[in-house]
């Protein structure tokens, strides 16, 4: 639904794409620094592994979606020229 609203303007697609990439990078930082976070010491090892893997997976999905939106916006703006 949100993507259909963005189809009309490539500049909005680029903004949303960069937002998704930024969120993905924040989750990537959380996944990388996860073993050094002291407040996560009370979790079981399996929970730590799951949450760290979730952070990495969510980061990959957000960055790939942001990249796809940006590429679609570039293609649409190129067609408009």
PDB file of N, CA and C in Angstrom:
ATOM      1  N   UNK A   1       0.824  -1.183   0.000  1.00  0.00           N
ATOM      2  CA  UNK A   1       0.000   0.000   0.000  1.00  0.00           C
ATOM      3  C   UNK A   1       0.874   1.255   0.000  1.00  0.00           C
ATOM      4  N   UNK A   2       1.889   1.256   0.817  1.00  0.00           N
ATOM      5  CA  UNK A   2       2.776   2.420   0.865  1.00  0.00           C
ATOM      6  C   UNK A   2       3.557   2.531  -0.431  1.00  0.00           C
ATOM      7  N   UNK A   3       3.981   1.395  -0.971  1.00  0.00           N
ATOM      8  CA  UNK A   3       4.764   1.421  -2.205  1.00  0.00           C
ATOM      9  C   UNK A   3       3.931   1.919  -3.381  1.00  0.00           C
ATOM     10  N   UNK A   4       2.630   1.626  -3.399  1.00  0.00           N
ATOM     11  CA  UNK A   4       1.788   2.121  -4.479  1.00  0.00           C
ATOM     12  C   UNK A   4       1.660   3.634  -4.430  1.00  0.00           C
ATOM     13  N   UNK A   5       1.669   4.206  -3.223  1.00  0.00           N
ATOM     14  CA  UNK A   5       1.602   5.656  -3.094  1.00  0.00           C
ATOM     15  C   UNK A   5       2.906   6.314  -3.534  1.00  0.00           C
ATOM     16  N   UNK A   6       3.997   5.571  -3.435  1.00  0.00           N
ATOM     17  CA  UNK A   6       5.304   6.128  -3.791  1.00  0.00           C
ATOM     18  C   UNK A   6       5.610   6.023  -5.280  1.00  0.00           C
ATOM     19  N   UNK A   7       4.829   5.245  -6.023  1.00  0.00           N
ATOM     20  CA  UNK A   7       5.144   5.027  -7.434  1.00  0.00           C
ATOM     21  C   UNK A   7       5.127   6.309  -8.252  1.00  0.00           C
ATOM     22  N   UNK A   8       4.355   7.290  -7.848  1.00  0.00           N
ATOM     23  CA  UNK A   8       4.221   8.508  -8.625  1.00  0.00           C
ATOM     24  C   UNK A   8       5.417   9.429  -8.560  1.00  0.00           C
ATOM     25  N   UNK A   9       6.107   9.467  -7.443  1.00  0.00           N
ATOM     26  CA  UNK A   9       7.208  10.431  -7.329  1.00  0.00           C
ATOM     27  C   UNK A   9       8.512   9.721  -6.959  1.00  0.00           C
ATOM     28  N   UNK A  10       9.475   9.740  -7.865  1.00  0.00           N
ATOM     29  CA  UNK A  10      10.766   9.101  -7.591  1.00  0.00           C
ATOM     30  C   UNK A  10      11.545   9.751  -6.447  1.00  0.00           C
ATOM     31  N   UNK A  11      11.343  11.044  -6.212  1.00  0.00           N
ATOM     32  CA  UNK A  11      12.092  11.696  -5.121  1.00  0.00           C
ATOM     33  C   UNK A  11      11.649  11.161  -3.763  1.00  0.00           C
ATOM     34  N   UNK A  12      10.359  10.859  -3.612  1.00  0.00           N
ATOM     35  CA  UNK A  12       9.891  10.266  -2.363  1.00  0.00           C
ATOM     36  C   UNK A  12      10.395   8.841  -2.220  1.00  0.00           C
ATOM     37  N   UNK A  13      10.503   8.129  -3.344  1.00  0.00           N
ATOM     38  CA  UNK A  13      11.020   6.762  -3.295  1.00  0.00           C
ATOM     39  C   UNK A  13      12.461   6.738  -2.827  1.00  0.00           C
ATOM     40  N   UNK A  14      13.248   7.697  -3.277  1.00  0.00           N
ATOM     41  CA  UNK A  14      14.645   7.760  -2.850  1.00  0.00           C
ATOM     42  C   UNK A  14      14.728   8.068  -1.355  1.00  0.00           C
ATOM     43  N   UNK A  15      13.876   8.960  -0.874  1.00  0.00           N
ATOM     44  CA  UNK A  15      13.888   9.305   0.548  1.00  0.00           C
ATOM     45  C   UNK A  15      13.538   8.096   1.414  1.00  0.00           C
ATOM     46  N   UNK A  16      12.513   7.370   1.028  1.00  0.00           N
ATOM     47  CA  UNK A  16      12.117   6.181   1.784  1.00  0.00           C
ATOM     48  C   UNK A  16      13.183   5.102   1.674  1.00  0.00           C
ATOM     49  N   UNK A  17      13.783   4.961   0.508  1.00  0.00           N
ATOM     50  CA  UNK A  17      14.860   3.987   0.331  1.00  0.00           C
ATOM     51  C   UNK A  17      16.050   4.279   1.228  1.00  0.00           C
ATOM     52  N   UNK A  18      16.442   5.522   1.319  1.00  0.00           N
ATOM     53  CA  UNK A  18      17.564   5.882   2.182  1.00  0.00           C
ATOM     54  C   UNK A  18      17.195   5.728   3.656  1.00  0.00           C
ATOM     55  N   UNK A  19      15.926   5.962   3.994  1.00  0.00           N
ATOM     56  CA  UNK A  19      15.473   5.728   5.366  1.00  0.00           C
ATOM     57  C   UNK A  19      15.610   4.251   5.713  1.00  0.00           C
ATOM     58  N   UNK A  20      15.204   3.374   4.805  1.00  0.00           N
ATOM     59  CA  UNK A  20      15.313   1.939   5.047  1.00  0.00           C
ATOM     60  C   UNK A  20      16.769   1.491   5.162  1.00  0.00           C
ATOM     61  N   UNK A  21      17.633   2.057   4.340  1.00  0.00           N
ATOM     62  CA  UNK A  21      19.060   1.729   4.435  1.00  0.00           C
ATOM     63  C   UNK A  21      19.621   2.190   5.776  1.00  0.00           C
ATOM     64  N   UNK A  22      19.211   3.361   6.233  1.00  0.00           N
ATOM     65  CA  UNK A  22      19.683   3.880   7.516  1.00  0.00           C
ATOM     66  C   UNK A  22      19.225   3.000   8.669  1.00  0.00           C
ATOM     67  N   UNK A  23      17.968   2.582   8.641  1.00  0.00           N
ATOM     68  CA  UNK A  23      17.453   1.692   9.688  1.00  0.00           C
ATOM     69  C   UNK A  23      18.204   0.363   9.643  1.00  0.00           C
ATOM     70  N   UNK A  24      18.460  -0.133   8.445  1.00  0.00           N
ATOM     71  CA  UNK A  24      19.227  -1.367   8.313  1.00  0.00           C
ATOM     72  C   UNK A  24      20.632  -1.243   8.882  1.00  0.00           C
ATOM     73  N   UNK A  25      21.267  -0.113   8.650  1.00  0.00           N
ATOM     74  CA  UNK A  25      22.608   0.087   9.197  1.00  0.00           C
ATOM     75  C   UNK A  25      22.590   0.187  10.723  1.00  0.00           C
ATOM     76  N   UNK A  26      21.531   0.770  11.279  1.00  0.00           N
ATOM     77  CA  UNK A  26      21.420   0.836  12.742  1.00  0.00           C
ATOM     78  C   UNK A  26      21.270  -0.567  13.329  1.00  0.00           C
ATOM     79  N   UNK A  27      20.464  -1.419  12.680  1.00  0.00           N
ATOM     80  CA  UNK A  27      20.330  -2.790  13.162  1.00  0.00           C
ATOM     81  C   UNK A  27      21.637  -3.556  12.974  1.00  0.00           C
ATOM     82  N   UNK A  28      22.373  -3.268  11.924  1.00  0.00           N
ATOM     83  CA  UNK A  28      23.664  -3.908  11.721  1.00  0.00           C
ATOM     84  C   UNK A  28      24.638  -3.531  12.830  1.00  0.00           C
ATOM     85  N   UNK A  29      24.643  -2.284  13.227  1.00  0.00           N
ATOM     86  CA  UNK A  29      25.501  -1.846  14.329  1.00  0.00           C
ATOM     87  C   UNK A  29      25.106  -2.549  15.617  1.00  0.00           C
ATOM     88  N   UNK A  30      23.793  -2.685  15.846  1.00  0.00           N
ATOM     89  CA  UNK A  30      23.334  -3.400  17.042  1.00  0.00           C
ATOM     90  C   UNK A  30      23.793  -4.859  17.015  1.00  0.00           C
ATOM     91  N   UNK A  31      23.716  -5.485  15.859  1.00  0.00           N
ATOM     92  CA  UNK A  31      24.156  -6.876  15.752  1.00  0.00           C
ATOM     93  C   UNK A  31      25.656  -7.035  15.957  1.00  0.00           C
ATOM     94  N   UNK A  32      26.414  -6.089  15.456  1.00  0.00           N
ATOM     95  CA  UNK A  32      27.874  -6.177  15.601  1.00  0.00           C
ATOM     96  C   UNK A  32      28.300  -5.945  17.048  1.00  0.00           C
ATOM     97  N   UNK A  33      27.676  -4.991  17.715  1.00  0.00           N
ATOM     98  CA  UNK A  33      28.068  -4.672  19.093  1.00  0.00           C
ATOM     99  C   UNK A  33      27.332  -5.512  20.123  1.00  0.00           C
ATOM    100  N   UNK A  34      26.510  -6.451  19.692  1.00  0.00           N
ATOM    101  CA  UNK A  34      25.701  -7.249  20.611  1.00  0.00           C
ATOM    102  C   UNK A  34      26.521  -7.948  21.697  1.00  0.00           C
ATOM    103  N   UNK A  35      27.650  -8.595  21.383  1.00  0.00           N
ATOM    104  CA  UNK A  35      28.398  -9.287  22.450  1.00  0.00           C
ATOM    105  C   UNK A  35      28.986  -8.335  23.496  1.00  0.00           C
ATOM    106  N   UNK A  36      29.118  -7.082  23.169  1.00  0.00           N
ATOM    107  CA  UNK A  36      29.725  -6.129  24.101  1.00  0.00           C
ATOM    108  C   UNK A  36      28.698  -5.392  24.960  1.00  0.00           C
ATOM    109  N   UNK A  37      27.406  -5.640  24.723  1.00  0.00           N
ATOM    110  CA  UNK A  37      26.367  -4.971  25.498  1.00  0.00           C
ATOM    111  C   UNK A  37      26.211  -5.664  26.845  1.00  0.00           C
ATOM    112  N   UNK A  38      26.419  -4.931  27.919  1.00  0.00           N
ATOM    113  CA  UNK A  38      26.410  -5.544  29.246  1.00  0.00           C
ATOM    114  C   UNK A  38      25.003  -5.875  29.733  1.00  0.00           C
ATOM    115  N   UNK A  39      23.998  -5.160  29.294  1.00  0.00           N
ATOM    116  CA  UNK A  39      22.648  -5.418  29.795  1.00  0.00           C
ATOM    117  C   UNK A  39      22.009  -6.658  29.176  1.00  0.00           C
ATOM    118  N   UNK A  40      22.685  -7.295  28.231  1.00  0.00           N
ATOM    119  CA  UNK A  40      22.177  -8.526  27.644  1.00  0.00           C
ATOM    120  C   UNK A  40      22.768  -9.767  28.308  1.00  0.00           C
ATOM    121  N   UNK A  41      23.499  -9.601  29.391  1.00  0.00           N
ATOM    122  CA  UNK A  41      24.169 -10.726  30.033  1.00  0.00           C
ATOM    123  C   UNK A  41      23.185 -11.676  30.714  1.00  0.00           C
ATOM    124  N   UNK A  42      21.993 -11.223  31.023  1.00  0.00           N
ATOM    125  CA  UNK A  42      21.037 -12.071  31.735  1.00  0.00           C
ATOM    126  C   UNK A  42      20.280 -13.024  30.813  1.00  0.00           C
ATOM    127  N   UNK A  43      20.435 -12.886  29.492  1.00  0.00           N
ATOM    128  CA  UNK A  43      19.748 -13.762  28.553  1.00  0.00           C
ATOM    129  C   UNK A  43      20.479 -15.090  28.403  1.00  0.00           C
ATOM    130  N   UNK A  44      19.743 -16.134  28.035  1.00  0.00           N
ATOM    131  CA  UNK A  44      20.343 -17.428  27.748  1.00  0.00           C
ATOM    132  C   UNK A  44      21.165 -17.327  26.462  1.00  0.00           C
ATOM    133  N   UNK A  45      22.147 -18.194  26.303  1.00  0.00           N
ATOM    134  CA  UNK A  45      22.973 -18.136  25.080  1.00  0.00           C
ATOM    135  C   UNK A  45      22.158 -18.306  23.801  1.00  0.00           C
ATOM    136  N   UNK A  46      21.144 -19.179  23.836  1.00  0.00           N
ATOM    137  CA  UNK A  46      20.315 -19.369  22.644  1.00  0.00           C
ATOM    138  C   UNK A  46      19.531 -18.103  22.313  1.00  0.00           C
ATOM    139  N   UNK A  47      19.061 -17.414  23.338  1.00  0.00           N
ATOM    140  CA  UNK A  47      18.335 -16.161  23.100  1.00  0.00           C
ATOM    141  C   UNK A  47      19.260 -15.094  22.546  1.00  0.00           C
ATOM    142  N   UNK A  48      20.465 -15.036  23.060  1.00  0.00           N
ATOM    143  CA  UNK A  48      21.444 -14.077  22.536  1.00  0.00           C
ATOM    144  C   UNK A  48      21.738 -14.346  21.069  1.00  0.00           C
ATOM    145  N   UNK A  49      21.937 -15.616  20.727  1.00  0.00           N
ATOM    146  CA  UNK A  49      22.225 -15.966  19.339  1.00  0.00           C
ATOM    147  C   UNK A  49      21.047 -15.628  18.434  1.00  0.00           C
ATOM    148  N   UNK A  50      19.834 -15.934  18.903  1.00  0.00           N
ATOM    149  CA  UNK A  50      18.650 -15.646  18.099  1.00  0.00           C
ATOM    150  C   UNK A  50      18.497 -14.147  17.868  1.00  0.00           C
ATOM    151  N   UNK A  51      18.606 -13.356  18.908  1.00  0.00           N
ATOM    152  CA  UNK A  51      18.402 -11.910  18.774  1.00  0.00           C
ATOM    153  C   UNK A  51      19.502 -11.267  17.935  1.00  0.00           C
ATOM    154  N   UNK A  52      20.710 -11.748  18.074  1.00  0.00           N
ATOM    155  CA  UNK A  52      21.798 -11.210  17.249  1.00  0.00           C
ATOM    156  C   UNK A  52      21.593 -11.569  15.781  1.00  0.00           C
ATOM    157  N   UNK A  53      21.185 -12.804  15.523  1.00  0.00           N
ATOM    158  CA  UNK A  53      20.892 -13.221  14.159  1.00  0.00           C
ATOM    159  C   UNK A  53      19.705 -12.473  13.578  1.00  0.00           C
ATOM    160  N   UNK A  54      18.701 -12.206  14.418  1.00  0.00           N
ATOM    161  CA  UNK A  54      17.552 -11.423  13.967  1.00  0.00           C
ATOM    162  C   UNK A  54      17.980 -10.020  13.564  1.00  0.00           C
ATOM    163  N   UNK A  55      18.866  -9.422  14.344  1.00  0.00           N
ATOM    164  CA  UNK A  55      19.375  -8.086  14.002  1.00  0.00           C
ATOM    165  C   UNK A  55      20.081  -8.103  12.649  1.00  0.00           C
ATOM    166  N   UNK A  56      20.921  -9.103  12.423  1.00  0.00           N
ATOM    167  CA  UNK A  56      21.617  -9.195  11.139  1.00  0.00           C
ATOM    168  C   UNK A  56      20.641  -9.430   9.994  1.00  0.00           C
ATOM    169  N   UNK A  57      19.691 -10.333  10.183  1.00  0.00           N
ATOM    170  CA  UNK A  57      18.725 -10.624   9.130  1.00  0.00           C
ATOM    171  C   UNK A  57      17.840  -9.440   8.808  1.00  0.00           C
ATOM    172  N   UNK A  58      17.365  -8.754   9.831  1.00  0.00           N
ATOM    173  CA  UNK A  58      16.525  -7.584   9.616  1.00  0.00           C
ATOM    174  C   UNK A  58      17.311  -6.480   8.924  1.00  0.00           C
ATOM    175  N   UNK A  59      18.583  -6.339   9.274  1.00  0.00           N
ATOM    176  CA  UNK A  59      19.427  -5.333   8.627  1.00  0.00           C
ATOM    177  C   UNK A  59      19.586  -5.631   7.146  1.00  0.00           C
ATOM    178  N   UNK A  60      19.795  -6.897   6.807  1.00  0.00           N
ATOM    179  CA  UNK A  60      19.955  -7.265   5.403  1.00  0.00           C
ATOM    180  C   UNK A  60      18.680  -6.978   4.624  1.00  0.00           C
ATOM    181  N   UNK A  61      17.533  -7.324   5.196  1.00  0.00           N
ATOM    182  CA  UNK A  61      16.254  -7.094   4.516  1.00  0.00           C
ATOM    183  C   UNK A  61      15.997  -5.600   4.319  1.00  0.00           C
ATOM    184  N   UNK A  62      16.248  -4.793   5.335  1.00  0.00           N
ATOM    185  CA  UNK A  62      16.014  -3.350   5.220  1.00  0.00           C
ATOM    186  C   UNK A  62      16.934  -2.724   4.176  1.00  0.00           C
ATOM    187  N   UNK A  63      18.198  -3.123   4.163  1.00  0.00           N
ATOM    188  CA  UNK A  63      19.127  -2.543   3.205  1.00  0.00           C
ATOM    189  C   UNK A  63      18.811  -2.982   1.778  1.00  0.00           C
ATOM    190  N   UNK A  64      18.414  -4.228   1.604  1.00  0.00           N
ATOM    191  CA  UNK A  64      18.058  -4.701   0.265  1.00  0.00           C
ATOM    192  C   UNK A  64      16.792  -4.016  -0.245  1.00  0.00           C
ATOM    193  N   UNK A  65      15.824  -3.819   0.624  1.00  0.00           N
ATOM    194  CA  UNK A  65      14.589  -3.130   0.232  1.00  0.00           C
ATOM    195  C   UNK A  65      14.874  -1.673  -0.112  1.00  0.00           C
ATOM    196  N   UNK A  66      15.689  -1.011   0.687  1.00  0.00           N
ATOM    197  CA  UNK A  66      16.051   0.367   0.396  1.00  0.00           C
ATOM    198  C   UNK A  66      16.806   0.505  -0.909  1.00  0.00           C
ATOM    199  N   UNK A  67      17.682  -0.438  -1.178  1.00  0.00           N
ATOM    200  CA  UNK A  67      18.422  -0.425  -2.435  1.00  0.00           C
ATOM    201  C   UNK A  67      17.491  -0.652  -3.620  1.00  0.00           C
ATOM    202  N   UNK A  68      16.544  -1.584  -3.473  1.00  0.00           N
ATOM    203  CA  UNK A  68      15.593  -1.857  -4.558  1.00  0.00           C
ATOM    204  C   UNK A  68      14.717  -0.631  -4.831  1.00  0.00           C
ATOM    205  N   UNK A  69      14.265   0.041  -3.792  1.00  0.00           N
ATOM    206  CA  UNK A  69      13.466   1.255  -3.982  1.00  0.00           C
ATOM    207  C   UNK A  69      14.265   2.342  -4.681  1.00  0.00           C
ATOM    208  N   UNK A  70      15.500   2.493  -4.294  1.00  0.00           N
ATOM    209  CA  UNK A  70      16.340   3.524  -4.919  1.00  0.00           C
ATOM    210  C   UNK A  70      16.607   3.216  -6.384  1.00  0.00           C
ATOM    211  N   UNK A  71      16.812   1.954  -6.702  1.00  0.00           N
ATOM    212  CA  UNK A  71      17.044   1.571  -8.095  1.00  0.00           C
ATOM    213  C   UNK A  71      15.783   1.795  -8.919  1.00  0.00           C
ATOM    214  N   UNK A  72      14.625   1.451  -8.348  1.00  0.00           N
ATOM    215  CA  UNK A  72      13.368   1.694  -9.072  1.00  0.00           C
ATOM    216  C   UNK A  72      13.134   3.182  -9.288  1.00  0.00           C
ATOM    217  N   UNK A  73      13.482   4.001  -8.312  1.00  0.00           N
ATOM    218  CA  UNK A  73      13.325   5.446  -8.447  1.00  0.00           C
ATOM    219  C   UNK A  73      14.259   5.981  -9.521  1.00  0.00           C
ATOM    220  N   UNK A  74      15.480   5.472  -9.564  1.00  0.00           N
ATOM    221  CA  UNK A  74      16.427   5.919 -10.591  1.00  0.00           C
ATOM    222  C   UNK A  74      15.932   5.528 -11.981  1.00  0.00           C
ATOM    223  N   UNK A  75      15.361   4.339 -12.111  1.00  0.00           N
ATOM    224  CA  UNK A  75      14.846   3.894 -13.398  1.00  0.00           C
ATOM    225  C   UNK A  75      13.646   4.742 -13.827  1.00  0.00           C
ATOM    226  N   UNK A  76      12.781   5.084 -12.893  1.00  0.00           N
ATOM    227  CA  UNK A  76      11.618   5.903 -13.222  1.00  0.00           C
ATOM    228  C   UNK A  76      12.019   7.324 -13.600  1.00  0.00           C
ATOM    229  N   UNK A  77      12.987   7.872 -12.899  1.00  0.00           N
ATOM    230  CA  UNK A  77      13.415   9.234 -13.236  1.00  0.00           C
ATOM    231  C   UNK A  77      14.161   9.245 -14.575  1.00  0.00           C
ATOM    232  N   UNK A  78      14.807   8.161 -14.901  1.00  0.00           N
ATOM    233  CA  UNK A  78      15.505   8.063 -16.196  1.00  0.00           C
ATOM    234  C   UNK A  78      14.509   7.975 -17.341  1.00  0.00           C
ATOM    235  N   UNK A  79      13.405   7.243 -17.132  1.00  0.00           N
ATOM    236  CA  UNK A  79      12.373   7.143 -18.149  1.00  0.00           C
ATOM    237  C   UNK A  79      11.688   8.486 -18.371  1.00  0.00           C
ATOM    238  N   UNK A  80      11.589   9.270 -17.311  1.00  0.00           N
ATOM    239  CA  UNK A  80      10.924  10.560 -17.422  1.00  0.00           C
ATOM    240  C   UNK A  80      11.733  11.546 -18.272  1.00  0.00           C
ATOM    241  N   UNK A  81      13.037  11.366 -18.306  1.00  0.00           N
ATOM    242  CA  UNK A  81      13.889  12.263 -19.081  1.00  0.00           C
ATOM    243  C   UNK A  81      13.698  11.942 -20.532  1.00  0.00           C
TER     244      UNK A  81
END
